[in-house]
Amino acid sequence: MSFSESLESLRKIDLADLDFENAGSWPAPVKAIAGILLLVAVLVAGYKFNLEDIQLQLEQQQIEEQSLREQFTLKAFQAANLEAYKEQMKEMEESFGALLRQLPSDTEVPGLLEDITRTGLASGLEFSEIKLLPEVQQQFYIELPIQIVVEGGYHDLATFVSGVSSLPRIVTLHDFSVEPINKDEPSRLRMSVLAKTYRYNDKGLNQ
């Protein structure tokens, strides 16, 4: 049967006359079309239920591949620069050790008090008070507060502050309070300041 004859026979078919319970009795052109439609439906369903999952897995694998590539690039860079990293770590350890050596031990605190007192007297100041306050423990270091009250001229106080900042041990100054001693002598001042020095807390790394 030619294609034109098949089309002509399809025009003559009334779908209402087809027996859907007995598809075997359908005309050959109708069977062919039904087979094609069934094949398309199977292909669509197969894509829907199988190929979509495969596509999703493929996308996930592509994302994972990209992540692995980035990790490989990073590790390759680190491996290529391993010696430079080791050298940097060595320099950091040396710098850290130098900083630790600037932190006084318990036995060095009296010497530090002497240095502060000597600096103040050399600046022309008089000490009204210099005393150690209770320690304040931090994670990696311990603060050693020192309350200082001195009297003298403005420039003498400035010289004292500069001298304390230049001590070989780390000393920081906080909570400044400066006021005239009396109204009759406004150029003579009293300064109250909290000095803090530090020592290494060797137990902090184990907490």
N, C-alpha and C. Protein backbone atom coordinates (compact mmCIF):
# COMPACT_ATOMS: atom_id res chain seq x y z
N MET A 1 0.87 -1.19 0.00
CA MET A 1 0.00 0.00 0.00
C MET A 1 0.90 1.23 0.00
N SER A 2 0.60 2.16 -0.93
CA SER A 2 1.41 3.38 -1.00
C SER A 2 1.04 4.33 0.13
N PHE A 3 1.90 5.35 0.32
CA PHE A 3 1.67 6.31 1.39
C PHE A 3 0.37 7.08 1.18
N SER A 4 0.07 7.42 -0.08
CA SER A 4 -1.16 8.17 -0.37
C SER A 4 -2.39 7.31 -0.10
N GLU A 5 -2.27 6.02 -0.41
CA GLU A 5 -3.39 5.12 -0.14
C GLU A 5 -3.61 4.96 1.36
N SER A 6 -2.48 4.97 2.13
CA SER A 6 -2.59 4.86 3.59
C SER A 6 -3.29 6.08 4.16
N LEU A 7 -2.94 7.27 3.64
CA LEU A 7 -3.59 8.48 4.13
C LEU A 7 -5.07 8.46 3.80
N GLU A 8 -5.41 7.96 2.56
CA GLU A 8 -6.81 7.92 2.16
C GLU A 8 -7.58 6.97 3.05
N SER A 9 -6.96 5.85 3.42
CA SER A 9 -7.67 4.89 4.27
C SER A 9 -7.85 5.44 5.68
N LEU A 10 -6.86 6.27 6.13
CA LEU A 10 -6.97 6.88 7.47
C LEU A 10 -8.13 7.87 7.53
N ARG A 11 -8.37 8.56 6.37
CA ARG A 11 -9.46 9.54 6.35
C ARG A 11 -10.82 8.85 6.47
N LYS A 12 -10.86 7.63 6.01
CA LYS A 12 -12.13 6.91 6.01
C LYS A 12 -12.42 6.23 7.36
N ILE A 13 -11.42 6.22 8.23
CA ILE A 13 -11.60 5.55 9.53
C ILE A 13 -12.29 6.48 10.50
N ASP A 14 -13.32 5.97 11.13
CA ASP A 14 -14.03 6.70 12.18
C ASP A 14 -13.54 6.15 13.52
N LEU A 15 -12.90 7.03 14.33
CA LEU A 15 -12.33 6.57 15.60
C LEU A 15 -13.40 5.97 16.51
N ALA A 16 -14.64 6.40 16.32
CA ALA A 16 -15.72 5.86 17.15
C ALA A 16 -15.97 4.39 16.86
N ASP A 17 -15.56 3.97 15.64
CA ASP A 17 -15.79 2.57 15.27
C ASP A 17 -14.68 1.64 15.76
N LEU A 18 -13.59 2.22 16.30
CA LEU A 18 -12.47 1.38 16.75
C LEU A 18 -12.82 0.70 18.05
N ASP A 19 -12.47 -0.57 18.15
CA ASP A 19 -12.70 -1.35 19.37
C ASP A 19 -11.40 -1.34 20.17
N PHE A 20 -11.35 -0.52 21.24
CA PHE A 20 -10.12 -0.38 22.03
C PHE A 20 -9.81 -1.63 22.86
N GLU A 21 -10.81 -2.53 22.98
CA GLU A 21 -10.55 -3.77 23.70
C GLU A 21 -10.00 -4.84 22.77
N ASN A 22 -10.04 -4.58 21.48
CA ASN A 22 -9.54 -5.55 20.51
C ASN A 22 -8.69 -4.79 19.49
N ALA A 23 -7.50 -4.33 19.97
CA ALA A 23 -6.62 -3.53 19.10
C ALA A 23 -6.11 -4.33 17.91
N GLY A 24 -6.13 -5.64 18.01
CA GLY A 24 -5.64 -6.45 16.91
C GLY A 24 -6.49 -6.34 15.67
N SER A 25 -7.73 -5.91 15.81
CA SER A 25 -8.62 -5.79 14.66
C SER A 25 -8.51 -4.44 13.98
N TRP A 26 -7.65 -3.53 14.49
CA TRP A 26 -7.53 -2.19 13.90
C TRP A 26 -6.86 -2.30 12.54
N PRO A 27 -7.15 -1.35 11.68
CA PRO A 27 -6.46 -1.28 10.39
C PRO A 27 -4.96 -1.07 10.59
N ALA A 28 -4.16 -1.52 9.65
CA ALA A 28 -2.70 -1.44 9.75
C ALA A 28 -2.21 -0.01 9.95
N PRO A 29 -2.72 1.01 9.24
CA PRO A 29 -2.23 2.38 9.47
C PRO A 29 -2.47 2.84 10.90
N VAL A 30 -3.62 2.49 11.45
CA VAL A 30 -3.94 2.90 12.83
C VAL A 30 -2.99 2.21 13.79
N LYS A 31 -2.71 0.92 13.53
CA LYS A 31 -1.78 0.21 14.40
C LYS A 31 -0.39 0.86 14.36
N ALA A 32 0.01 1.27 13.17
CA ALA A 32 1.33 1.89 13.03
C ALA A 32 1.41 3.19 13.82
N ILE A 33 0.36 4.01 13.65
CA ILE A 33 0.34 5.29 14.38
C ILE A 33 0.30 5.05 15.89
N ALA A 34 -0.52 4.08 16.32
CA ALA A 34 -0.61 3.78 17.75
C ALA A 34 0.74 3.28 18.27
N GLY A 35 1.44 2.47 17.45
CA GLY A 35 2.75 1.99 17.86
C GLY A 35 3.76 3.11 18.02
N ILE A 36 3.70 4.06 17.06
CA ILE A 36 4.60 5.21 17.15
C ILE A 36 4.33 6.04 18.40
N LEU A 37 3.04 6.31 18.65
CA LEU A 37 2.67 7.08 19.84
C LEU A 37 3.10 6.36 21.12
N LEU A 38 2.93 5.01 21.13
CA LEU A 38 3.32 4.24 22.30
C LEU A 38 4.84 4.31 22.51
N LEU A 39 5.59 4.24 21.40
CA LEU A 39 7.04 4.33 21.47
C LEU A 39 7.48 5.68 22.04
N VAL A 40 6.84 6.75 21.52
CA VAL A 40 7.16 8.10 22.02
C VAL A 40 6.87 8.21 23.51
N ALA A 41 5.71 7.64 23.93
CA ALA A 41 5.35 7.69 25.35
C ALA A 41 6.36 6.95 26.20
N VAL A 42 6.83 5.79 25.71
CA VAL A 42 7.83 5.01 26.44
C VAL A 42 9.14 5.78 26.55
N LEU A 43 9.54 6.43 25.44
CA LEU A 43 10.78 7.19 25.45
C LEU A 43 10.70 8.37 26.42
N VAL A 44 9.56 9.06 26.40
CA VAL A 44 9.37 10.20 27.32
C VAL A 44 9.41 9.74 28.77
N ALA A 45 8.70 8.63 29.03
CA ALA A 45 8.69 8.11 30.40
C ALA A 45 10.08 7.65 30.83
N GLY A 46 10.81 7.03 29.89
CA GLY A 46 12.17 6.59 30.21
C GLY A 46 13.07 7.75 30.53
N TYR A 47 12.94 8.82 29.76
CA TYR A 47 13.74 10.02 30.04
C TYR A 47 13.37 10.62 31.39
N LYS A 48 12.04 10.63 31.62
CA LYS A 48 11.57 11.25 32.85
C LYS A 48 12.08 10.52 34.08
N PHE A 49 12.02 9.20 34.05
CA PHE A 49 12.32 8.42 35.25
C PHE A 49 13.77 7.95 35.33
N ASN A 50 14.49 7.95 34.21
CA ASN A 50 15.86 7.44 34.24
C ASN A 50 16.89 8.50 33.84
N LEU A 51 16.67 9.11 32.67
CA LEU A 51 17.67 10.04 32.19
C LEU A 51 17.78 11.28 33.07
N GLU A 52 16.68 11.74 33.67
CA GLU A 52 16.76 12.89 34.55
C GLU A 52 17.64 12.60 35.76
N ASP A 53 17.50 11.38 36.32
CA ASP A 53 18.34 10.99 37.45
C ASP A 53 19.80 10.92 37.03
N ILE A 54 20.03 10.36 35.85
CA ILE A 54 21.40 10.27 35.35
C ILE A 54 21.99 11.67 35.13
N GLN A 55 21.16 12.57 34.59
CA GLN A 55 21.61 13.93 34.36
C GLN A 55 21.95 14.62 35.68
N LEU A 56 21.12 14.40 36.71
CA LEU A 56 21.37 14.99 38.02
C LEU A 56 22.67 14.45 38.61
N GLN A 57 22.88 13.12 38.49
CA GLN A 57 24.11 12.53 38.99
C GLN A 57 25.32 13.08 38.24
N LEU A 58 25.17 13.28 36.94
CA LEU A 58 26.26 13.83 36.15
C LEU A 58 26.62 15.24 36.61
N GLU A 59 25.60 16.06 36.86
CA GLU A 59 25.86 17.42 37.34
C GLU A 59 26.56 17.40 38.69
N GLN A 60 26.12 16.50 39.58
CA GLN A 60 26.77 16.39 40.88
C GLN A 60 28.22 15.96 40.74
N GLN A 61 28.47 15.01 39.83
CA GLN A 61 29.83 14.56 39.60
C GLN A 61 30.70 15.69 39.02
N GLN A 62 30.10 16.52 38.18
CA GLN A 62 30.85 17.63 37.60
C GLN A 62 31.21 18.65 38.69
N ILE A 63 30.27 18.90 39.60
CA ILE A 63 30.56 19.82 40.71
C ILE A 63 31.67 19.25 41.60
N GLU A 64 31.57 17.94 41.89
CA GLU A 64 32.59 17.30 42.72
C GLU A 64 33.95 17.33 42.02
N GLU A 65 33.93 17.11 40.70
CA GLU A 65 35.18 17.15 39.94
C GLU A 65 35.83 18.53 40.03
N GLN A 66 35.01 19.58 39.92
CA GLN A 66 35.54 20.93 40.01
C GLN A 66 36.14 21.19 41.38
N SER A 67 35.44 20.71 42.43
CA SER A 67 35.95 20.88 43.79
C SER A 67 37.27 20.14 43.97
N LEU A 68 37.37 18.93 43.45
CA LEU A 68 38.61 18.16 43.55
C LEU A 68 39.74 18.83 42.78
N ARG A 69 39.41 19.41 41.63
CA ARG A 69 40.42 20.12 40.85
C ARG A 69 40.98 21.30 41.65
N GLU A 70 40.07 22.05 42.30
CA GLU A 70 40.51 23.20 43.10
C GLU A 70 41.37 22.75 44.28
N GLN A 71 40.97 21.64 44.95
CA GLN A 71 41.77 21.12 46.05
C GLN A 71 43.15 20.67 45.56
N PHE A 72 43.16 20.02 44.40
CA PHE A 72 44.44 19.57 43.85
C PHE A 72 45.34 20.76 43.53
N THR A 73 44.76 21.80 42.95
CA THR A 73 45.55 22.99 42.61
C THR A 73 46.13 23.62 43.87
N LEU A 74 45.29 23.72 44.93
CA LEU A 74 45.75 24.31 46.18
C LEU A 74 46.87 23.48 46.80
N LYS A 75 46.67 22.15 46.85
CA LYS A 75 47.68 21.29 47.46
C LYS A 75 48.96 21.27 46.64
N ALA A 76 48.82 21.34 45.32
CA ALA A 76 50.00 21.40 44.47
C ALA A 76 50.78 22.68 44.73
N PHE A 77 50.05 23.78 44.91
CA PHE A 77 50.71 25.06 45.21
C PHE A 77 51.41 24.99 46.56
N GLN A 78 50.73 24.41 47.57
CA GLN A 78 51.33 24.29 48.89
C GLN A 78 52.56 23.41 48.86
N ALA A 79 52.49 22.31 48.10
CA ALA A 79 53.64 21.41 48.01
C ALA A 79 54.82 22.10 47.34
N ALA A 80 54.52 22.90 46.32
CA ALA A 80 55.58 23.60 45.61
C ALA A 80 56.24 24.66 46.48
N ASN A 81 55.47 25.19 47.46
CA ASN A 81 55.99 26.25 48.32
C ASN A 81 56.25 25.76 49.75
N LEU A 82 56.40 24.45 49.92
CA LEU A 82 56.56 23.88 51.25
C LEU A 82 57.80 24.43 51.95
N GLU A 83 58.90 24.51 51.23
CA GLU A 83 60.14 25.00 51.84
C GLU A 83 60.00 26.45 52.29
N ALA A 84 59.30 27.25 51.46
CA ALA A 84 59.09 28.65 51.83
C ALA A 84 58.22 28.74 53.09
N TYR A 85 57.19 27.86 53.18
CA TYR A 85 56.35 27.85 54.38
C TYR A 85 57.16 27.47 55.61
N LYS A 86 58.03 26.47 55.45
CA LYS A 86 58.87 26.05 56.60
C LYS A 86 59.77 27.20 57.05
N GLU A 87 60.32 27.92 56.09
CA GLU A 87 61.18 29.05 56.44
C GLU A 87 60.39 30.14 57.15
N GLN A 88 59.16 30.39 56.69
CA GLN A 88 58.31 31.39 57.35
C GLN A 88 57.96 30.96 58.76
N MET A 89 57.66 29.67 58.94
CA MET A 89 57.35 29.16 60.28
C MET A 89 58.55 29.32 61.22
N LYS A 90 59.73 29.07 60.70
CA LYS A 90 60.94 29.21 61.51
C LYS A 90 61.11 30.67 61.93
N GLU A 91 60.91 31.60 60.98
CA GLU A 91 61.03 33.02 61.30
C GLU A 91 59.98 33.44 62.32
N MET A 92 58.74 32.92 62.17
CA MET A 92 57.67 33.26 63.12
C MET A 92 58.00 32.73 64.51
N GLU A 93 58.54 31.51 64.59
CA GLU A 93 58.91 30.96 65.90
C GLU A 93 60.01 31.79 66.55
N GLU A 94 60.97 32.24 65.74
CA GLU A 94 62.03 33.07 66.29
C GLU A 94 61.48 34.41 66.78
N SER A 95 60.57 35.00 66.00
CA SER A 95 59.96 36.27 66.41
C SER A 95 59.14 36.09 67.67
N PHE A 96 58.39 34.98 67.73
CA PHE A 96 57.56 34.70 68.90
C PHE A 96 58.44 34.52 70.14
N GLY A 97 59.57 33.82 69.96
CA GLY A 97 60.49 33.63 71.07
C GLY A 97 61.07 34.95 71.54
N ALA A 98 61.35 35.86 70.60
CA ALA A 98 61.87 37.18 70.97
C ALA A 98 60.83 37.96 71.77
N LEU A 99 59.57 37.85 71.38
CA LEU A 99 58.51 38.52 72.14
C LEU A 99 58.36 37.93 73.53
N LEU A 100 58.44 36.61 73.62
CA LEU A 100 58.33 35.97 74.94
C LEU A 100 59.45 36.42 75.86
N ARG A 101 60.64 36.62 75.30
CA ARG A 101 61.76 37.05 76.14
C ARG A 101 61.55 38.45 76.69
N GLN A 102 60.63 39.22 76.05
CA GLN A 102 60.33 40.55 76.57
C GLN A 102 59.31 40.51 77.70
N LEU A 103 58.69 39.36 77.91
CA LEU A 103 57.73 39.24 79.00
C LEU A 103 58.47 38.85 80.27
N PRO A 104 58.33 39.62 81.33
CA PRO A 104 59.09 39.31 82.54
C PRO A 104 58.58 38.06 83.23
N SER A 105 59.49 37.35 83.89
CA SER A 105 59.08 36.24 84.75
C SER A 105 58.76 36.80 86.13
N ASP A 106 58.28 35.95 87.02
CA ASP A 106 57.94 36.41 88.36
C ASP A 106 59.13 37.05 89.05
N THR A 107 60.31 36.46 88.85
CA THR A 107 61.50 36.96 89.55
C THR A 107 61.99 38.28 88.98
N GLU A 108 61.53 38.64 87.76
CA GLU A 108 61.99 39.88 87.13
C GLU A 108 61.11 41.08 87.46
N VAL A 109 59.96 40.85 88.07
CA VAL A 109 59.03 41.95 88.34
C VAL A 109 59.63 42.98 89.29
N PRO A 110 60.29 42.58 90.38
CA PRO A 110 60.91 43.61 91.24
C PRO A 110 61.91 44.47 90.48
N GLY A 111 62.67 43.84 89.57
CA GLY A 111 63.61 44.61 88.77
C GLY A 111 62.89 45.59 87.86
N LEU A 112 61.73 45.19 87.36
CA LEU A 112 60.94 46.08 86.51
C LEU A 112 60.43 47.27 87.31
N LEU A 113 60.02 47.03 88.55
CA LEU A 113 59.58 48.13 89.41
C LEU A 113 60.73 49.11 89.66
N GLU A 114 61.92 48.56 89.82
CA GLU A 114 63.08 49.43 90.01
C GLU A 114 63.34 50.27 88.77
N ASP A 115 63.17 49.65 87.58
CA ASP A 115 63.38 50.40 86.34
C ASP A 115 62.37 51.53 86.21
N ILE A 116 61.11 51.25 86.56
CA ILE A 116 60.08 52.29 86.47
C ILE A 116 60.38 53.41 87.45
N THR A 117 60.77 53.03 88.67
CA THR A 117 61.09 54.04 89.69
C THR A 117 62.28 54.88 89.25
N ARG A 118 63.31 54.22 88.72
CA ARG A 118 64.50 54.93 88.28
C ARG A 118 64.17 55.89 87.13
N THR A 119 63.29 55.45 86.23
CA THR A 119 62.89 56.31 85.11
C THR A 119 62.15 57.54 85.61
N GLY A 120 61.26 57.34 86.60
CA GLY A 120 60.51 58.47 87.14
C GLY A 120 61.41 59.47 87.85
N LEU A 121 62.33 58.97 88.66
CA LEU A 121 63.24 59.87 89.38
C LEU A 121 64.15 60.62 88.42
N ALA A 122 64.60 59.92 87.37
CA ALA A 122 65.45 60.57 86.37
C ALA A 122 64.69 61.64 85.61
N SER A 123 63.36 61.53 85.56
CA SER A 123 62.53 62.53 84.87
C SER A 123 62.19 63.69 85.78
N GLY A 124 62.64 63.65 87.03
CA GLY A 124 62.38 64.73 87.96
C GLY A 124 61.05 64.61 88.69
N LEU A 125 60.49 63.40 88.76
CA LEU A 125 59.20 63.19 89.41
C LEU A 125 59.37 62.67 90.83
N GLU A 126 58.33 62.85 91.61
CA GLU A 126 58.26 62.27 92.94
C GLU A 126 57.15 61.22 92.95
N PHE A 127 57.44 60.07 93.53
CA PHE A 127 56.45 58.98 93.58
C PHE A 127 55.63 59.09 94.85
N SER A 128 54.31 59.17 94.65
CA SER A 128 53.40 59.09 95.79
C SER A 128 52.99 57.65 96.06
N GLU A 129 52.96 56.86 94.98
CA GLU A 129 52.53 55.47 95.13
C GLU A 129 53.02 54.66 93.94
N ILE A 130 53.47 53.45 94.21
CA ILE A 130 53.76 52.46 93.17
C ILE A 130 53.59 51.09 93.81
N LYS A 131 52.58 50.37 93.37
CA LYS A 131 52.29 49.08 93.99
C LYS A 131 51.72 48.11 92.97
N LEU A 132 52.00 46.83 93.21
CA LEU A 132 51.47 45.76 92.36
C LEU A 132 50.03 45.47 92.73
N LEU A 133 49.19 45.27 91.71
CA LEU A 133 47.79 44.89 91.92
C LEU A 133 47.65 43.40 91.59
N PRO A 134 46.52 42.78 91.94
CA PRO A 134 46.33 41.35 91.64
C PRO A 134 46.45 41.05 90.15
N GLU A 135 47.02 39.89 89.85
CA GLU A 135 47.20 39.48 88.46
C GLU A 135 45.86 39.24 87.78
N VAL A 136 45.83 39.43 86.47
CA VAL A 136 44.65 39.15 85.66
C VAL A 136 45.06 38.10 84.62
N GLN A 137 44.46 36.92 84.70
CA GLN A 137 44.86 35.82 83.82
C GLN A 137 44.06 35.85 82.53
N GLN A 138 44.79 35.83 81.41
CA GLN A 138 44.19 35.70 80.10
C GLN A 138 44.56 34.32 79.54
N GLN A 139 44.16 34.03 78.31
CA GLN A 139 44.39 32.68 77.78
C GLN A 139 45.87 32.38 77.59
N PHE A 140 46.61 33.30 76.96
CA PHE A 140 48.00 33.03 76.64
C PHE A 140 48.98 33.87 77.45
N TYR A 141 48.49 34.79 78.23
CA TYR A 141 49.39 35.62 79.02
C TYR A 141 48.69 36.04 80.31
N ILE A 142 49.48 36.59 81.22
CA ILE A 142 48.95 37.06 82.51
C ILE A 142 49.33 38.53 82.65
N GLU A 143 48.34 39.35 82.93
CA GLU A 143 48.59 40.78 83.13
C GLU A 143 49.07 41.01 84.57
N LEU A 144 50.07 41.87 84.69
CA LEU A 144 50.58 42.26 86.00
C LEU A 144 50.37 43.77 86.14
N PRO A 145 49.25 44.21 86.71
CA PRO A 145 48.97 45.65 86.82
C PRO A 145 49.81 46.30 87.92
N ILE A 146 50.23 47.52 87.65
CA ILE A 146 51.01 48.29 88.62
C ILE A 146 50.38 49.68 88.71
N GLN A 147 49.90 50.05 89.90
CA GLN A 147 49.31 51.37 90.09
C GLN A 147 50.42 52.36 90.42
N ILE A 148 50.46 53.45 89.66
CA ILE A 148 51.53 54.45 89.83
C ILE A 148 50.90 55.82 90.01
N VAL A 149 51.38 56.57 91.02
CA VAL A 149 50.99 57.96 91.22
C VAL A 149 52.26 58.76 91.38
N VAL A 150 52.47 59.74 90.48
CA VAL A 150 53.68 60.57 90.52
C VAL A 150 53.30 62.04 90.47
N GLU A 151 54.25 62.88 90.92
CA GLU A 151 54.03 64.32 90.91
C GLU A 151 55.20 65.01 90.24
N GLY A 152 54.87 66.05 89.47
CA GLY A 152 55.92 66.81 88.79
C GLY A 152 55.33 67.71 87.74
N GLY A 153 56.22 68.31 86.94
CA GLY A 153 55.78 69.21 85.89
C GLY A 153 55.28 68.45 84.67
N TYR A 154 54.63 69.18 83.77
CA TYR A 154 54.04 68.57 82.59
C TYR A 154 55.11 67.88 81.74
N HIS A 155 56.20 68.58 81.48
CA HIS A 155 57.25 68.01 80.64
C HIS A 155 57.93 66.82 81.33
N ASP A 156 58.01 66.87 82.65
CA ASP A 156 58.59 65.75 83.40
C ASP A 156 57.71 64.51 83.26
N LEU A 157 56.41 64.74 83.31
CA LEU A 157 55.48 63.61 83.14
C LEU A 157 55.61 63.01 81.74
N ALA A 158 55.72 63.87 80.74
CA ALA A 158 55.86 63.39 79.35
C ALA A 158 57.16 62.60 79.19
N THR A 159 58.23 63.09 79.81
CA THR A 159 59.51 62.38 79.74
C THR A 159 59.41 61.01 80.41
N PHE A 160 58.68 60.95 81.52
CA PHE A 160 58.50 59.69 82.23
C PHE A 160 57.73 58.68 81.38
N VAL A 161 56.64 59.13 80.77
CA VAL A 161 55.84 58.23 79.92
C VAL A 161 56.68 57.71 78.76
N SER A 162 57.46 58.60 78.14
CA SER A 162 58.31 58.17 77.02
C SER A 162 59.37 57.19 77.50
N GLY A 163 59.92 57.42 78.70
CA GLY A 163 60.95 56.54 79.23
C GLY A 163 60.41 55.16 79.55
N VAL A 164 59.20 55.08 80.10
CA VAL A 164 58.60 53.78 80.41
C VAL A 164 58.32 53.01 79.12
N SER A 165 57.87 53.70 78.09
CA SER A 165 57.58 53.05 76.82
C SER A 165 58.85 52.50 76.16
N SER A 166 60.01 53.04 76.55
CA SER A 166 61.27 52.62 75.95
C SER A 166 61.98 51.54 76.75
N LEU A 167 61.38 51.09 77.84
CA LEU A 167 62.01 50.04 78.64
C LEU A 167 62.15 48.76 77.82
N PRO A 168 63.18 47.95 78.09
CA PRO A 168 63.37 46.72 77.31
C PRO A 168 62.24 45.71 77.50
N ARG A 169 61.54 45.75 78.61
CA ARG A 169 60.40 44.88 78.83
C ARG A 169 59.12 45.57 78.39
N ILE A 170 58.13 44.79 77.98
CA ILE A 170 56.86 45.36 77.50
C ILE A 170 56.08 45.93 78.67
N VAL A 171 55.80 47.22 78.61
CA VAL A 171 54.98 47.89 79.61
C VAL A 171 54.01 48.81 78.88
N THR A 172 52.73 48.66 79.15
CA THR A 172 51.72 49.54 78.55
C THR A 172 51.08 50.39 79.64
N LEU A 173 50.66 51.59 79.30
CA LEU A 173 50.10 52.53 80.26
C LEU A 173 48.63 52.78 79.94
N HIS A 174 47.80 52.79 80.99
CA HIS A 174 46.35 52.89 80.82
C HIS A 174 45.77 53.82 81.89
N ASP A 175 44.54 54.27 81.62
CA ASP A 175 43.74 55.01 82.61
C ASP A 175 44.49 56.21 83.18
N PHE A 176 44.97 57.07 82.29
CA PHE A 176 45.67 58.28 82.74
C PHE A 176 44.71 59.22 83.45
N SER A 177 45.23 59.84 84.50
CA SER A 177 44.49 60.90 85.19
C SER A 177 45.49 61.94 85.65
N VAL A 178 45.38 63.17 85.12
CA VAL A 178 46.32 64.24 85.45
C VAL A 178 45.54 65.43 86.00
N GLU A 179 46.00 65.97 87.13
CA GLU A 179 45.31 67.12 87.74
C GLU A 179 46.31 67.93 88.55
N PRO A 180 46.06 69.23 88.70
CA PRO A 180 46.96 70.07 89.53
C PRO A 180 46.93 69.60 90.99
N ILE A 181 48.09 69.73 91.64
CA ILE A 181 48.14 69.31 93.05
C ILE A 181 47.35 70.30 93.91
N ASN A 182 47.52 71.59 93.64
CA ASN A 182 46.74 72.61 94.36
C ASN A 182 46.62 73.84 93.46
N LYS A 183 45.72 74.71 93.80
CA LYS A 183 45.44 75.90 92.98
C LYS A 183 46.58 76.90 93.02
N ASP A 184 47.33 76.91 94.11
CA ASP A 184 48.43 77.88 94.24
C ASP A 184 49.63 77.52 93.38
N GLU A 185 49.69 76.26 92.95
CA GLU A 185 50.83 75.81 92.15
C GLU A 185 50.32 74.99 90.96
N PRO A 186 49.66 75.66 89.98
CA PRO A 186 49.00 74.95 88.88
C PRO A 186 49.98 74.21 87.95
N SER A 187 51.26 74.61 87.97
CA SER A 187 52.22 73.94 87.08
C SER A 187 52.68 72.60 87.64
N ARG A 188 52.42 72.36 88.90
CA ARG A 188 52.81 71.06 89.48
C ARG A 188 51.60 70.13 89.43
N LEU A 189 51.79 68.99 88.81
CA LEU A 189 50.69 68.08 88.51
C LEU A 189 50.87 66.74 89.21
N ARG A 190 49.74 66.10 89.41
CA ARG A 190 49.75 64.73 89.93
C ARG A 190 49.16 63.82 88.85
N MET A 191 49.89 62.79 88.50
CA MET A 191 49.42 61.85 87.47
C MET A 191 49.23 60.47 88.09
N SER A 192 48.04 59.95 87.86
CA SER A 192 47.74 58.57 88.26
C SER A 192 47.61 57.74 86.98
N VAL A 193 48.32 56.64 86.94
CA VAL A 193 48.32 55.83 85.73
C VAL A 193 48.44 54.36 86.12
N LEU A 194 47.79 53.51 85.33
CA LEU A 194 47.87 52.07 85.55
C LEU A 194 48.82 51.49 84.51
N ALA A 195 49.96 51.00 84.98
CA ALA A 195 50.92 50.35 84.08
C ALA A 195 50.63 48.85 84.08
N LYS A 196 50.78 48.23 82.92
CA LYS A 196 50.58 46.79 82.82
C LYS A 196 51.79 46.16 82.13
N THR A 197 52.34 45.17 82.78
CA THR A 197 53.33 44.34 82.13
C THR A 197 52.75 42.94 82.04
N TYR A 198 53.43 42.05 81.37
CA TYR A 198 52.82 40.76 81.04
C TYR A 198 53.85 39.65 81.20
N ARG A 199 53.37 38.49 81.55
CA ARG A 199 54.21 37.30 81.52
C ARG A 199 53.44 36.18 80.82
N TYR A 200 54.19 35.27 80.26
CA TYR A 200 53.62 34.20 79.45
C TYR A 200 52.85 33.21 80.32
N ASN A 201 51.66 32.85 79.86
CA ASN A 201 50.84 31.86 80.56
C ASN A 201 51.06 30.51 79.88
N ASP A 202 52.01 29.74 80.40
CA ASP A 202 52.34 28.47 79.74
C ASP A 202 51.26 27.41 79.90
N LYS A 203 50.27 27.66 80.77
CA LYS A 203 49.16 26.73 80.93
C LYS A 203 48.02 27.02 79.95
N GLY A 204 48.09 28.18 79.29
CA GLY A 204 46.99 28.59 78.41
C GLY A 204 46.81 27.68 77.23
N LEU A 205 47.89 27.11 76.70
CA LEU A 205 47.79 26.25 75.52
C LEU A 205 47.13 24.92 75.84
N ASN A 206 47.11 24.55 77.12
CA ASN A 206 46.54 23.26 77.52
C ASN A 206 45.08 23.37 77.94
N GLN A 207 44.54 24.60 77.91
CA GLN A 207 43.14 24.76 78.34
C GLN A 207 42.20 24.43 77.21
